[in-house]
Amino acid sequence: MSLLIEIDRYLRHTDTAPTRFGRDAANDPRFVFDLRRGRECGPKLRARVEAYMARADSRPTRNG
C-alpha cells in the first residue's frame, strides 16, 4: 500500500491535520502536502513515519 494512502487513512481516522502529522512524524510540516505533489520518501524516513503511526495507533484514545 502506498505510504500516502496509509497517511491519509491515519489522518481521517485520528482527525489530525496534515501539518501536525508532518511536524510530529517527519519534523516537516509540509511533508504530507509534498507527498501529495509527488515527493518521494526515502526508506529511513518511511520507516520513521510508519513507526510513528504504529505507536499512535497503539495509544488509548480520549473517547474510548
Protein backbone atom coordinates (compact mmCIF):
# COMPACT_ATOMS: atom_id res chain seq x y z
CA MET A 1 0.00 0.00 0.00
CA SER A 2 1.20 3.50 -0.77
CA LEU A 3 2.57 5.50 2.15
CA LEU A 4 0.38 8.44 1.17
CA ILE A 5 -2.75 6.27 1.27
CA GLU A 6 -1.77 4.99 4.72
CA ILE A 7 -1.15 8.55 5.93
CA ASP A 8 -4.47 9.81 4.52
CA ARG A 9 -6.32 6.99 6.29
CA TYR A 10 -4.48 7.79 9.50
CA LEU A 11 -5.36 11.48 9.19
CA ARG A 12 -9.06 10.70 8.70
CA HIS A 13 -9.11 8.11 11.48
CA THR A 14 -7.39 10.36 14.03
CA ASP A 15 -8.77 13.69 12.78
CA THR A 16 -5.20 15.02 12.61
CA ALA A 17 -4.22 18.00 10.48
CA PRO A 18 -1.64 17.24 7.77
CA THR A 19 0.70 19.91 9.13
CA ARG A 20 0.53 18.46 12.66
CA PHE A 21 1.21 14.97 11.35
CA GLY A 22 4.15 16.14 9.26
CA ARG A 23 5.63 18.08 12.16
CA ASP A 24 5.27 15.18 14.60
CA ALA A 25 6.16 12.28 12.30
CA ALA A 26 8.76 13.78 9.95
CA ASN A 27 9.78 17.06 11.57
CA ASP A 28 8.42 18.76 8.43
CA PRO A 29 5.01 20.49 8.44
CA ARG A 30 4.91 20.37 4.60
CA PHE A 31 5.59 16.62 4.48
CA VAL A 32 2.05 15.45 3.59
CA PHE A 33 1.49 18.25 1.08
CA ASP A 34 4.83 17.46 -0.58
CA LEU A 35 3.92 13.76 -0.80
CA ARG A 36 0.65 14.71 -2.46
CA ARG A 37 2.65 16.70 -5.03
CA GLY A 38 4.89 13.72 -5.82
CA ARG A 39 7.67 13.85 -3.24
CA GLU A 40 9.45 10.54 -2.82
CA CYS A 41 10.18 9.31 0.68
CA GLY A 42 13.43 7.53 1.45
CA PRO A 43 13.48 4.24 3.37
CA LYS A 44 14.65 5.74 6.68
CA LEU A 45 12.02 8.46 6.71
CA ARG A 46 9.34 5.99 5.60
CA ALA A 47 10.27 3.68 8.48
CA ARG A 48 10.14 6.60 10.92
CA VAL A 49 6.71 7.70 9.67
CA GLU A 50 5.32 4.15 9.77
CA ALA A 51 6.69 3.69 13.30
CA TYR A 52 5.02 6.95 14.34
CA MET A 53 1.66 5.78 13.01
CA ALA A 54 2.06 2.37 14.67
CA ARG A 55 2.87 3.98 18.04
CA ALA A 56 -0.04 6.37 17.75
CA ASP A 57 -2.44 3.55 16.83
CA SER A 58 -1.47 1.64 19.96
CA ARG A 59 -2.23 4.56 22.31
CA PRO A 60 -5.61 4.72 24.02
CA THR A 61 -7.89 7.42 22.68
CA ARG A 62 -9.62 10.09 24.75
CA ASN A 63 -13.04 8.92 23.56
CA GLY A 64 -12.64 5.28 24.16
